[in-house]
Amino acid sequence: MWQKDILVLPDDLIAFAWSAPMRDLAAKLELSDVRLKKLLTRCGIASPPQGYWNKIRAGKKVLALPKAPPRRPGELGRASVDARFAKVLPIAAPLASNGPFASALVPEDLDELHAQELQAIGKASVPHTLDRPHKGLVQILKQEQRRRDKNAEREWTFDEPRFDNPLAKRRLRIFNALFLALSKRGHDGGAYERDGEIHAGAAIGDTHVGLDIGIVGSHRTARQHGYLRPAPDQPASTPLALRIDPGFDRKNTVSWQDDGDAKLESRIAEIAAAVIVAGEKKFRLSLREAEERAERERIEKEKQRQEWLVQLNQKRLQNLRNSGELLREAEDIRALVERVRRAIGEGSADIDPSVVEAWQLWALAEADRIDPVRSGQILTHLNEPSL
């Protein structure tokens, strides 16, 4: 059955990975040792080297327990693992929304982070061609090549190349340069094509940041495959703007645009540093949003709990009233039986004793059946309602 992953502290995961041979640890999690090692590798956790446990048994000196690397911009600072790890590791709470966020790689102040990343990126140029593209553009470029090959084989095809015009190629070169600059700092980027549009984004640590390059101001359009798109014959010199869009709500957007001789190509390092900062900023905001969401859920659950308790108490009260009515009915029957007995004893009622005896047994049994104490009906309201 599918289970949701849990978050654990990387240091806890390292301590677990180095606490016993892989086969023994895997048995605790009902995993194979190969599967466990792959999972640890995915989390960036190195396993003990070959012969480590033989040295331990022989009393020889071994490597010290490694420490988890410091948190990078946009990272959770937590490792996401299979829910089965909850058997052996404590679940880690997320970072608090008010921080601190600083690590050896992340200053607390975002302006300091921008200066740090800008210096580390250094010079970032835009290659004139896409002969050696970043892996994030390979899918688009392969699809474009397949379209070219089809067009070369036939006089006409519906699926023609979509980014062979000068302006589209310039956009791809800018994205490529930006992704390469981000990769210098251990981050990633990628783009895909949908309905003739390029959709791009950056992965800053564990945080996604949306990216877009559009034309500045009004421009000619043409209908392509049912959609209005910028006319493909526009020159590469058409002014462009690159926008960082960290969220779907369009808030916290930062943008740059061609300005005279200062083209976007000359600001790649600055933009890459800003994208990294945007990823860290979005991560910090997401912590606050998660806390607010959790608080709303807590309030809603408490509201539902109180409403349910009200219903349970109303039901308890109704059951109490039912007990009173049932007890009165039972006592009335018993009183009637006693009255008949006295009447027969006084001779005021001429009734066959055998008939009376059978009737008394039946009537008293009915009284016991509806008696709330003897029937157990009183238990329906004896204890205070609880969820």
Protein backbone atom coordinates (compact mmCIF):
# COMPACT_ATOMS: atom_id res chain seq x y z
CA MET A 1 0.00 0.00 0.00
CA TRP A 2 1.27 3.47 -0.90
CA GLN A 3 2.46 5.40 2.12
CA LYS A 4 3.44 9.02 2.35
CA ASP A 5 7.12 9.81 2.85
CA ILE A 6 8.24 11.30 6.15
CA LEU A 7 10.88 13.93 6.93
CA VAL A 8 13.84 13.06 9.15
CA LEU A 9 16.99 14.90 10.16
CA PRO A 10 19.91 14.02 7.86
CA ASP A 11 22.18 13.45 10.86
CA ASP A 12 19.66 10.94 12.27
CA LEU A 13 19.60 9.15 8.92
CA ILE A 14 23.42 9.03 8.82
CA ALA A 15 23.56 7.65 12.36
CA PHE A 16 21.08 4.94 11.37
CA ALA A 17 22.97 4.07 8.16
CA TRP A 18 26.20 3.63 10.13
CA SER A 19 24.69 1.82 13.12
CA ALA A 20 24.75 -1.75 11.75
CA PRO A 21 25.45 -3.72 8.56
CA MET A 22 23.15 -2.80 5.68
CA ARG A 23 21.48 -6.22 5.62
CA ASP A 24 20.49 -5.93 9.30
CA LEU A 25 19.13 -2.41 8.85
CA ALA A 26 17.17 -3.43 5.76
CA ALA A 27 15.52 -6.28 7.69
CA LYS A 28 14.19 -3.79 10.25
CA LEU A 29 12.50 -1.84 7.44
CA GLU A 30 11.34 -4.88 5.48
CA LEU A 31 13.47 -3.75 2.53
CA SER A 32 16.26 -5.40 0.58
CA ASP A 33 19.76 -4.15 1.36
CA VAL A 34 20.10 -3.04 -2.29
CA ARG A 35 16.88 -1.02 -2.08
CA LEU A 36 17.96 0.56 1.21
CA LYS A 37 21.35 1.55 -0.17
CA LYS A 38 19.72 3.16 -3.23
CA LEU A 39 17.35 5.09 -0.98
CA LEU A 40 20.22 6.36 1.17
CA THR A 41 22.18 7.33 -1.94
CA ARG A 42 19.18 9.27 -3.23
CA CYS A 43 19.18 11.22 0.04
CA GLY A 44 22.91 11.92 -0.32
CA ILE A 45 23.80 9.59 2.57
CA ALA A 46 27.02 7.60 2.10
CA SER A 47 27.10 4.04 3.44
CA PRO A 48 30.05 2.68 5.46
CA PRO A 49 32.92 1.61 3.14
CA GLN A 50 33.76 -1.98 2.28
CA GLY A 51 35.28 -3.80 5.24
CA TYR A 52 34.04 -1.26 7.80
CA TRP A 53 32.24 -3.81 9.98
CA ASN A 54 35.12 -6.29 9.79
CA LYS A 55 37.40 -3.60 11.20
CA ILE A 56 34.85 -2.86 13.94
CA ARG A 57 34.76 -6.54 14.93
CA ALA A 58 38.55 -6.70 14.88
CA GLY A 59 38.80 -3.65 17.11
CA LYS A 60 40.60 -1.60 14.48
CA LYS A 61 40.32 2.14 14.02
CA VAL A 62 37.58 3.21 11.57
CA LEU A 63 36.32 6.40 9.97
CA ALA A 64 34.43 8.81 12.19
CA LEU A 65 30.69 9.15 11.65
CA PRO A 66 30.20 11.67 8.80
CA LYS A 67 28.18 14.83 9.31
CA ALA A 68 25.33 15.94 7.09
CA PRO A 69 26.26 18.74 4.67
CA PRO A 70 25.01 22.22 5.62
CA ARG A 71 21.66 23.36 4.24
CA ARG A 72 21.84 25.04 0.85
CA PRO A 73 19.48 27.76 -0.43
CA GLY A 74 15.96 26.49 -0.98
CA GLU A 75 16.57 23.21 0.84
CA LEU A 76 14.27 21.80 3.53
CA GLY A 77 17.17 20.81 5.75
CA ARG A 78 15.37 17.49 6.09
CA ALA A 79 15.60 14.15 4.27
CA SER A 80 12.43 12.71 2.73
CA VAL A 81 12.31 8.94 3.25
CA ASP A 82 9.91 6.01 3.03
CA ALA A 83 7.28 6.02 5.82
CA ARG A 84 8.68 2.71 7.07
CA PHE A 85 11.60 4.67 8.55
CA ALA A 86 9.19 5.88 11.23
CA LYS A 87 9.86 2.52 12.93
CA VAL A 88 13.49 3.45 13.57
CA LEU A 89 13.80 7.24 13.31
CA PRO A 90 11.93 10.18 14.86
CA ILE A 91 9.96 12.35 12.45
CA ALA A 92 11.57 15.79 12.19
CA ALA A 93 9.56 18.96 12.55
CA PRO A 94 10.03 21.47 9.72
CA LEU A 95 12.13 24.57 10.27
CA ALA A 96 10.27 27.31 12.13
CA SER A 97 8.93 30.08 9.90
CA ASN A 98 10.85 32.68 11.90
CA GLY A 99 14.15 30.85 11.45
CA PRO A 100 16.99 30.88 12.07
CA PHE A 101 17.78 29.91 8.48
CA ALA A 102 21.55 30.44 8.49
CA SER A 103 23.95 27.63 7.71
CA ALA A 104 27.53 27.46 6.53
CA LEU A 105 26.17 28.03 3.00
CA VAL A 106 23.18 30.29 3.67
CA PRO A 107 23.41 33.70 5.39
CA GLU A 108 20.39 34.80 7.39
CA ASP A 109 20.19 38.03 5.38
CA LEU A 110 18.98 37.59 1.79
CA ASP A 111 21.02 40.55 0.49
CA GLU A 112 24.14 38.84 1.82
CA LEU A 113 23.04 35.65 0.09
CA HIS A 114 22.71 37.51 -3.23
CA ALA A 115 26.19 39.03 -2.90
CA GLN A 116 27.64 35.64 -1.96
CA GLU A 117 26.04 33.85 -4.91
CA LEU A 118 26.93 36.58 -7.39
CA GLN A 119 30.58 36.39 -6.40
CA ALA A 120 30.58 32.57 -6.53
CA ILE A 121 28.97 32.46 -9.99
CA GLY A 122 31.48 34.90 -11.41
CA LYS A 123 31.37 35.49 -15.12
CA ALA A 124 28.44 33.92 -16.98
CA SER A 125 28.37 34.19 -20.77
CA VAL A 126 25.73 33.18 -23.28
CA PRO A 127 27.00 30.66 -25.86
CA HIS A 128 26.26 31.66 -29.46
CA THR A 129 24.93 28.18 -30.25
CA LEU A 130 23.10 25.37 -28.50
CA ASP A 131 25.56 22.70 -29.59
CA ARG A 132 26.31 21.81 -25.94
CA PRO A 133 23.02 22.51 -24.15
CA HIS A 134 22.23 22.18 -20.48
CA LYS A 135 20.36 18.94 -19.77
CA GLY A 136 17.22 20.94 -18.97
CA LEU A 137 16.85 21.91 -22.64
CA VAL A 138 17.69 18.56 -24.22
CA GLN A 139 14.04 17.43 -24.43
CA ILE A 140 12.94 20.57 -26.30
CA LEU A 141 15.92 20.46 -28.68
CA LYS A 142 15.41 16.77 -29.46
CA GLN A 143 11.76 17.39 -30.24
CA GLU A 144 12.72 20.28 -32.51
CA GLN A 145 15.21 18.05 -34.34
CA ARG A 146 12.56 15.38 -34.88
CA ARG A 147 10.31 18.02 -36.42
CA ARG A 148 13.11 19.20 -38.73
CA ASP A 149 13.77 15.63 -39.82
CA LYS A 150 10.09 15.09 -40.62
CA ASN A 151 9.97 18.31 -42.63
CA ALA A 152 13.05 17.27 -44.57
CA GLU A 153 11.41 13.97 -45.53
CA ARG A 154 8.04 15.41 -46.59
CA GLU A 155 6.84 18.52 -48.38
CA TRP A 156 4.51 19.46 -45.54
CA THR A 157 3.74 18.26 -42.02
CA PHE A 158 1.46 19.62 -39.37
CA ASP A 159 4.16 19.43 -36.69
CA GLU A 160 6.71 21.95 -37.92
CA PRO A 161 9.68 23.26 -35.88
CA ARG A 162 8.44 25.86 -33.41
CA PHE A 163 11.63 27.50 -32.19
CA ASP A 164 13.67 27.86 -35.40
CA ASN A 165 13.10 31.61 -35.67
CA PRO A 166 15.79 34.05 -34.41
CA LEU A 167 13.82 35.34 -31.41
CA ALA A 168 12.91 31.87 -30.13
CA LYS A 169 16.50 30.72 -30.49
CA ARG A 170 17.63 33.72 -28.48
CA ARG A 171 15.21 32.84 -25.70
CA LEU A 172 16.55 29.28 -25.59
CA ARG A 173 20.16 30.54 -25.47
CA ILE A 174 19.32 32.81 -22.53
CA PHE A 175 17.62 29.97 -20.64
CA ASN A 176 20.59 27.74 -21.42
CA ALA A 177 23.08 30.27 -20.05
CA LEU A 178 20.96 30.77 -16.93
CA PHE A 179 20.70 27.03 -16.25
CA LEU A 180 24.46 26.63 -16.72
CA ALA A 181 25.10 29.46 -14.26
CA LEU A 182 22.77 27.87 -11.70
CA SER A 183 24.51 24.52 -12.13
CA LYS A 184 27.75 26.17 -10.95
CA ARG A 185 26.07 26.49 -7.54
CA GLY A 186 24.60 22.98 -7.47
CA HIS A 187 21.10 23.98 -8.60
CA ASP A 188 19.13 22.90 -11.64
CA GLY A 189 16.83 24.22 -14.31
CA GLY A 190 14.68 22.90 -17.07
CA ALA A 191 12.13 23.77 -19.72
CA TYR A 192 9.46 22.00 -21.72
CA GLU A 193 7.23 22.90 -24.63
CA ARG A 194 3.44 22.97 -24.45
CA ASP A 195 1.16 24.29 -27.17
CA GLY A 196 4.09 26.06 -28.81
CA GLU A 197 5.12 27.86 -25.61
CA ILE A 198 8.28 27.40 -23.56
CA HIS A 199 7.61 26.77 -19.88
CA ALA A 200 10.72 27.01 -17.73
CA GLY A 201 11.71 26.85 -14.09
CA ALA A 202 14.62 26.44 -11.72
CA ALA A 203 15.06 23.94 -8.90
CA ILE A 204 16.75 25.79 -6.04
CA GLY A 205 17.41 23.08 -3.50
CA ASP A 206 13.98 21.58 -2.86
CA THR A 207 12.13 24.68 -4.11
CA HIS A 208 10.75 25.35 -7.59
CA VAL A 209 10.97 28.86 -9.04
CA GLY A 210 9.08 29.71 -12.21
CA LEU A 211 10.87 31.54 -15.04
CA ASP A 212 9.51 33.27 -18.11
CA ILE A 213 10.98 35.26 -21.02
CA GLY A 214 8.50 37.42 -22.89
CA ILE A 215 8.44 40.28 -25.34
CA VAL A 216 8.40 43.79 -23.90
CA GLY A 217 5.45 45.93 -24.98
CA SER A 218 3.09 45.38 -27.89
CA HIS A 219 4.13 43.11 -30.74
CA ARG A 220 2.73 41.39 -33.77
CA THR A 221 1.04 38.05 -33.28
CA ALA A 222 0.12 35.12 -35.48
CA ARG A 223 -2.25 32.23 -34.92
CA GLN A 224 -0.33 28.99 -34.60
CA HIS A 225 -2.05 25.66 -33.94
CA GLY A 226 -5.11 27.47 -32.64
CA TYR A 227 -3.24 29.86 -30.32
CA LEU A 228 -2.14 33.48 -30.71
CA ARG A 229 1.65 33.53 -30.47
CA PRO A 230 4.30 36.18 -31.19
CA ALA A 231 4.86 36.40 -34.94
CA PRO A 232 7.79 34.08 -35.77
CA ASP A 233 9.47 36.52 -38.18
CA GLN A 234 10.34 39.06 -35.49
CA PRO A 235 14.07 39.82 -35.23
CA ALA A 236 16.30 38.61 -32.40
CA SER A 237 16.75 42.25 -31.38
CA THR A 238 13.10 42.43 -30.25
CA PRO A 239 13.20 43.63 -26.60
CA LEU A 240 12.75 40.80 -24.11
CA ALA A 241 12.09 40.64 -20.37
CA LEU A 242 12.97 37.78 -18.06
CA ARG A 243 10.74 37.33 -15.04
CA ILE A 244 11.17 35.30 -11.87
CA ASP A 245 7.77 34.15 -10.72
CA PRO A 246 8.15 32.20 -7.44
CA GLY A 247 4.46 31.45 -7.02
CA PHE A 248 1.18 30.99 -8.83
CA ASP A 249 -0.21 34.12 -7.16
CA ARG A 250 2.20 36.33 -9.17
CA LYS A 251 3.51 37.88 -5.95
CA ASN A 252 7.19 38.56 -5.24
CA THR A 253 7.91 38.77 -8.97
CA VAL A 254 11.31 40.14 -10.03
CA SER A 255 12.12 40.99 -13.65
CA TRP A 256 14.84 42.30 -15.97
CA GLN A 257 14.54 43.54 -19.51
CA ASP A 258 16.65 44.66 -22.46
CA ASP A 259 17.62 48.28 -21.93
CA GLY A 260 19.47 49.90 -24.80
CA ASP A 261 22.86 48.22 -25.10
CA ALA A 262 22.38 46.36 -21.79
CA LYS A 263 20.85 43.11 -22.99
CA LEU A 264 19.68 40.25 -20.82
CA GLU A 265 22.73 38.30 -22.00
CA SER A 266 24.99 40.68 -20.06
CA ARG A 267 23.14 40.10 -16.77
CA ILE A 268 23.02 36.31 -16.54
CA ALA A 269 25.16 36.10 -13.37
CA GLU A 270 23.04 38.76 -11.64
CA ILE A 271 19.82 36.99 -12.67
CA ALA A 272 21.11 33.57 -11.57
CA ALA A 273 22.02 34.95 -8.14
CA ALA A 274 18.56 36.52 -7.87
CA VAL A 275 16.91 33.20 -8.84
CA ILE A 276 18.79 31.47 -6.00
CA VAL A 277 17.67 34.16 -3.57
CA ALA A 278 14.10 33.84 -4.86
CA GLY A 279 14.23 30.11 -4.17
CA GLU A 280 15.40 30.66 -0.59
CA LYS A 281 12.82 33.41 -0.07
CA LYS A 282 10.02 31.22 -1.42
CA PHE A 283 11.16 28.40 0.85
CA ARG A 284 10.99 30.66 3.91
CA LEU A 285 7.56 31.94 2.89
CA SER A 286 6.36 28.36 2.36
CA LEU A 287 7.17 27.56 6.00
CA ARG A 288 4.90 30.38 7.17
CA GLU A 289 2.18 29.31 4.75
CA ALA A 290 2.46 25.72 5.99
CA GLU A 291 2.14 26.86 9.61
CA GLU A 292 -0.89 29.00 8.77
CA ARG A 293 -2.44 26.11 6.83
CA ALA A 294 -1.81 23.73 9.74
CA GLU A 295 -3.41 26.21 12.14
CA ARG A 296 -6.47 26.57 9.91
CA GLU A 297 -6.76 22.78 9.75
CA ARG A 298 -6.41 22.55 13.54
CA ILE A 299 -9.17 25.14 14.06
CA GLU A 300 -11.45 23.36 11.57
CA LYS A 301 -10.84 19.98 13.23
CA GLU A 302 -11.57 21.46 16.66
CA LYS A 303 -14.75 23.03 15.30
CA GLN A 304 -15.84 19.66 13.89
CA ARG A 305 -14.93 17.97 17.17
CA GLN A 306 -17.03 20.42 19.18
CA GLU A 307 -19.97 20.03 16.79
CA TRP A 308 -19.76 16.26 17.11
CA LEU A 309 -19.58 16.49 20.90
CA VAL A 310 -22.72 18.63 20.90
CA GLN A 311 -24.49 15.94 18.87
CA LEU A 312 -23.25 13.20 21.20
CA ASN A 313 -24.42 15.13 24.27
CA GLN A 314 -27.83 15.68 22.70
CA LYS A 315 -28.05 11.97 22.05
CA ARG A 316 -26.94 11.26 25.63
CA LEU A 317 -29.65 13.54 26.98
CA GLN A 318 -32.27 11.86 24.79
CA ASN A 319 -31.13 8.45 26.02
CA LEU A 320 -31.43 9.72 29.60
CA ARG A 321 -35.01 10.79 28.96
CA ASN A 322 -35.71 7.43 27.37
CA SER A 323 -34.38 5.73 30.50
CA GLY A 324 -36.80 7.71 32.64
CA GLU A 325 -39.75 6.80 30.43
CA LEU A 326 -38.75 3.12 30.29
CA LEU A 327 -38.30 2.99 34.07
CA ARG A 328 -41.73 4.51 34.62
CA GLU A 329 -43.26 1.97 32.24
CA ALA A 330 -41.49 -0.90 34.01
CA GLU A 331 -42.58 0.34 37.45
CA ASP A 332 -46.16 0.81 36.24
CA ILE A 333 -46.25 -2.82 35.05
CA ARG A 334 -44.82 -4.05 38.38
CA ALA A 335 -47.32 -1.92 40.29
CA LEU A 336 -50.15 -3.36 38.20
CA VAL A 337 -49.02 -6.95 38.90
CA GLU A 338 -48.86 -6.20 42.62
CA ARG A 339 -52.32 -4.64 42.55
CA VAL A 340 -53.77 -7.74 40.86
CA ARG A 341 -52.12 -9.98 43.49
CA ARG A 342 -53.71 -7.98 46.31
CA ALA A 343 -57.08 -8.02 44.62
CA ILE A 344 -57.00 -11.82 44.31
CA GLY A 345 -55.80 -12.15 47.91
CA GLU A 346 -58.66 -9.96 49.14
CA GLY A 347 -61.14 -11.95 47.06
CA SER A 348 -62.22 -8.90 45.13
CA ALA A 349 -61.19 -10.41 41.80
CA ASP A 350 -62.56 -13.74 40.55
CA ILE A 351 -59.66 -14.89 38.28
CA ASP A 352 -58.28 -18.35 37.68
CA PRO A 353 -55.00 -18.55 39.70
CA SER A 354 -53.21 -20.54 36.96
CA VAL A 355 -54.07 -17.89 34.41
CA VAL A 356 -52.95 -15.13 36.80
CA GLU A 357 -49.64 -16.88 37.49
CA ALA A 358 -48.82 -17.18 33.78
CA TRP A 359 -49.82 -13.58 33.21
CA GLN A 360 -47.67 -12.36 36.13
CA LEU A 361 -44.59 -14.18 34.80
CA TRP A 362 -45.09 -12.67 31.36
CA ALA A 363 -45.80 -9.13 32.67
CA LEU A 364 -42.82 -9.07 35.04
CA ALA A 365 -40.55 -10.40 32.28
CA GLU A 366 -41.72 -7.55 30.05
CA ALA A 367 -41.05 -5.09 32.88
CA ASP A 368 -37.52 -6.46 33.25
CA ARG A 369 -37.01 -6.27 29.49
CA ILE A 370 -37.79 -2.57 29.30
CA ASP A 371 -36.22 -1.67 32.66
CA PRO A 372 -33.23 0.56 31.64
CA VAL A 373 -31.03 -0.78 34.46
CA ARG A 374 -31.66 -4.48 33.88
CA SER A 375 -31.60 -4.20 30.07
CA GLY A 376 -28.39 -2.16 30.07
CA GLN A 377 -29.98 0.77 28.25
CA ILE A 378 -28.66 3.04 31.01
CA LEU A 379 -25.14 2.43 29.68
CA THR A 380 -25.96 4.60 26.66
CA HIS A 381 -25.73 7.71 28.81
CA LEU A 382 -23.71 6.59 31.81
CA ASN A 383 -20.36 7.91 30.57
CA GLU A 384 -19.57 11.39 29.30
CA PRO A 385 -19.24 11.47 25.49
CA SER A 386 -15.68 11.22 24.22
CA LEU A 387 -14.06 11.21 20.78
